Amino acid sequence: MHRSATRFAATILASAACTGPALADAHVEAGSEQASADKRTIMPEDPGARGFMEQFGFSEAVIHGDTVYLSGVILGPAQEGETQEEAFDRTFQYIGSILERAGSSWDDVLDITTYHVDIDASMPALAAVKNRYVKAPFPAWTAIDVDRLYTPDGVVEIKITARVGE
């Protein structure tokens, strides 16, 4: 259920294109003071989105040491009047806002994993947009074709691992 909840909330957030600041805090259970020094989380300021994430126990991103782990972000179908590239661009902007709140950037991305419900249909638009954001030296990238994502209309899920910027 945790995995499903992560994808669901990430979809909600990507669809809303929330780009406002989030809190990077020591969001840990009471009695875990040591964990707060080792692990910080990025949570949305939007009360609804934050409440959902807290209910299911996950974050937009986790910072541990000098590494940032983003929860997967699901791209749904393009909105009316929007091309697939524009939809990917909106999603990459959203991911960029999470990276920024975590003290990172697209230049700091180490690994990208993408899950595609139709890899042949989604890869050209994804690659075109990704190449606008991700420059050499390139991160590792794994693209996986799957039967479906958590949301029935999900097209691609994008999961990022990055380093904290210098």
Protein backbone atom coordinates (compact mmCIF):
# COMPACT_ATOMS: atom_id res chain seq x y z
CA MET A 1 0.00 0.00 0.00
CA HIS A 2 2.88 2.38 0.71
CA ARG A 3 4.02 2.13 -2.90
CA SER A 4 0.51 2.77 -4.19
CA ALA A 5 0.02 5.72 -1.87
CA THR A 6 3.33 7.21 -2.98
CA ARG A 7 2.34 7.06 -6.61
CA PHE A 8 -1.15 8.38 -5.92
CA ALA A 9 0.07 11.42 -4.00
CA ALA A 10 2.84 12.07 -6.47
CA THR A 11 0.25 12.06 -9.23
CA ILE A 12 -1.93 14.50 -7.33
CA LEU A 13 1.02 16.81 -6.79
CA ALA A 14 2.28 16.59 -10.37
CA SER A 15 -1.18 17.20 -11.74
CA ALA A 16 -1.55 20.28 -9.58
CA ALA A 17 1.98 21.33 -10.55
CA CYS A 18 2.64 22.49 -7.00
CA THR A 19 5.76 24.59 -7.19
CA GLY A 20 5.51 26.44 -3.90
CA PRO A 21 8.12 25.94 -1.24
CA ALA A 22 8.10 22.84 0.89
CA LEU A 23 9.50 22.17 4.28
CA ALA A 24 12.78 20.37 4.62
CA ASP A 25 12.54 19.14 8.15
CA ALA A 26 13.49 16.35 10.49
CA HIS A 27 10.13 14.64 10.04
CA VAL A 28 10.74 11.66 12.29
CA GLU A 29 8.89 9.96 15.08
CA ALA A 30 9.35 11.14 18.66
CA GLY A 31 12.33 9.50 20.32
CA SER A 32 14.29 9.36 17.06
CA GLU A 33 16.50 12.38 17.60
CA GLN A 34 19.53 10.67 16.03
CA ALA A 35 17.56 9.96 12.86
CA SER A 36 16.87 13.67 12.42
CA ALA A 37 20.59 14.35 12.02
CA ASP A 38 20.88 11.67 9.32
CA LYS A 39 17.61 11.93 7.43
CA ARG A 40 15.51 14.93 6.43
CA THR A 41 12.36 14.97 4.36
CA ILE A 42 10.81 17.31 1.83
CA MET A 43 7.07 17.72 2.38
CA PRO A 44 4.58 19.95 0.59
CA GLU A 45 3.22 22.99 2.37
CA ASP A 46 -0.24 22.36 0.91
CA PRO A 47 -2.15 20.98 3.93
CA GLY A 48 -4.11 18.44 1.88
CA ALA A 49 -1.10 17.01 0.10
CA ARG A 50 0.97 17.02 3.28
CA GLY A 51 -1.83 15.33 5.23
CA PHE A 52 -2.13 12.62 2.61
CA MET A 53 1.60 11.94 2.70
CA GLU A 54 1.66 11.87 6.48
CA GLN A 55 -1.37 9.54 6.56
CA PHE A 56 0.42 7.01 4.36
CA GLY A 57 3.89 7.69 5.74
CA PHE A 58 5.96 8.98 2.85
CA SER A 59 7.64 12.15 1.62
CA GLU A 60 8.15 13.97 -1.67
CA ALA A 61 11.86 13.40 -1.09
CA VAL A 62 14.27 12.16 1.55
CA ILE A 63 17.75 13.61 2.07
CA HIS A 64 20.23 11.23 3.68
CA GLY A 65 23.83 12.35 3.88
CA ASP A 66 24.57 13.99 0.54
CA THR A 67 21.95 12.00 -1.41
CA VAL A 68 18.40 13.04 -2.33
CA TYR A 69 15.80 10.34 -3.07
CA LEU A 70 12.61 11.55 -4.76
CA SER A 71 9.36 9.60 -4.63
CA GLY A 72 8.13 8.62 -8.07
CA VAL A 73 6.11 11.25 -9.93
CA ILE A 74 3.43 9.93 -12.29
CA LEU A 75 2.62 11.76 -15.49
CA GLY A 76 -0.96 11.32 -16.58
CA PRO A 77 -2.29 12.01 -20.06
CA ALA A 78 -1.70 15.45 -21.49
CA GLN A 79 -4.32 18.01 -20.44
CA GLU A 80 -6.72 19.33 -23.05
CA GLY A 81 -4.85 21.45 -25.57
CA GLU A 82 -1.47 20.26 -24.27
CA THR A 83 1.05 18.20 -26.22
CA GLN A 84 2.77 15.20 -24.68
CA GLU A 85 6.02 17.20 -24.60
CA GLU A 86 4.28 20.05 -22.73
CA ALA A 87 2.94 17.53 -20.21
CA PHE A 88 6.43 16.10 -19.69
CA ASP A 89 7.83 19.63 -19.37
CA ARG A 90 5.29 20.46 -16.64
CA THR A 91 6.31 17.28 -14.81
CA PHE A 92 10.03 18.03 -15.15
CA GLN A 93 9.43 21.56 -13.79
CA TYR A 94 7.65 20.01 -10.78
CA ILE A 95 10.51 17.55 -10.22
CA GLY A 96 12.96 20.45 -10.53
CA SER A 97 11.09 22.31 -7.78
CA ILE A 98 11.48 19.32 -5.45
CA LEU A 99 15.18 19.07 -6.28
CA GLU A 100 15.60 22.78 -5.56
CA ARG A 101 13.84 22.50 -2.19
CA ALA A 102 16.20 19.64 -1.36
CA GLY A 103 19.26 21.78 -2.16
CA SER A 104 19.85 20.00 -5.45
CA SER A 105 19.27 20.59 -9.16
CA TRP A 106 19.05 18.74 -12.46
CA ASP A 107 22.86 19.06 -12.68
CA ASP A 108 23.10 16.92 -9.53
CA VAL A 109 20.96 14.02 -10.75
CA LEU A 110 22.76 10.68 -10.43
CA ASP A 111 20.08 8.23 -11.50
CA ILE A 112 16.75 8.35 -13.33
CA THR A 113 14.36 5.42 -13.42
CA THR A 114 11.30 5.70 -15.65
CA TYR A 115 8.36 3.31 -15.77
CA HIS A 116 6.34 3.41 -19.01
CA VAL A 117 2.95 1.84 -19.79
CA ASP A 118 3.82 2.21 -23.50
CA ILE A 119 7.54 2.77 -23.80
CA ASP A 120 7.49 3.18 -27.59
CA ALA A 121 4.81 5.88 -27.46
CA SER A 122 6.24 7.84 -24.51
CA MET A 123 9.99 7.65 -25.11
CA PRO A 124 10.35 10.27 -27.90
CA ALA A 125 8.59 13.06 -25.93
CA LEU A 126 10.24 12.04 -22.64
CA ALA A 127 13.73 11.99 -24.18
CA ALA A 128 13.20 15.37 -25.88
CA VAL A 129 12.15 17.03 -22.62
CA LYS A 130 14.69 15.19 -20.46
CA ASN A 131 17.46 16.41 -22.75
CA ARG A 132 16.44 20.02 -22.06
CA TYR A 133 16.93 19.51 -18.33
CA VAL A 134 19.66 16.86 -18.09
CA LYS A 135 23.05 17.75 -19.55
CA ALA A 136 26.42 15.96 -19.70
CA PRO A 137 27.88 14.38 -17.74
CA PHE A 138 24.72 12.29 -17.95
CA PRO A 139 23.23 10.33 -15.05
CA ALA A 140 22.43 6.64 -15.18
CA TRP A 141 18.98 5.99 -16.68
CA THR A 142 16.86 2.86 -16.65
CA ALA A 143 13.61 2.80 -18.64
CA ILE A 144 11.18 -0.01 -17.79
CA ASP A 145 7.99 -0.98 -19.61
CA VAL A 146 5.20 -1.94 -17.17
CA ASP A 147 1.59 -3.11 -17.48
CA ARG A 148 0.20 -0.13 -15.57
CA LEU A 149 0.98 2.46 -12.93
CA TYR A 150 -0.93 3.13 -9.73
CA THR A 151 -3.24 5.60 -11.43
CA PRO A 152 -5.15 3.89 -14.24
CA ASP A 153 -4.43 6.76 -16.68
CA GLY A 154 -0.75 7.07 -15.72
CA VAL A 155 1.59 7.23 -18.69
CA VAL A 156 5.08 7.39 -17.11
CA GLU A 157 6.43 7.42 -13.57
CA ILE A 158 9.75 9.20 -13.01
CA LYS A 159 11.94 8.42 -10.00
CA ILE A 160 15.10 10.46 -9.33
CA THR A 161 18.17 10.05 -7.13
CA ALA A 162 20.47 13.07 -6.88
CA ARG A 163 23.26 14.44 -4.75
CA VAL A 164 22.90 17.55 -2.65
CA GLY A 165 24.28 20.44 -4.69
CA GLU A 166 27.65 21.99 -4.04
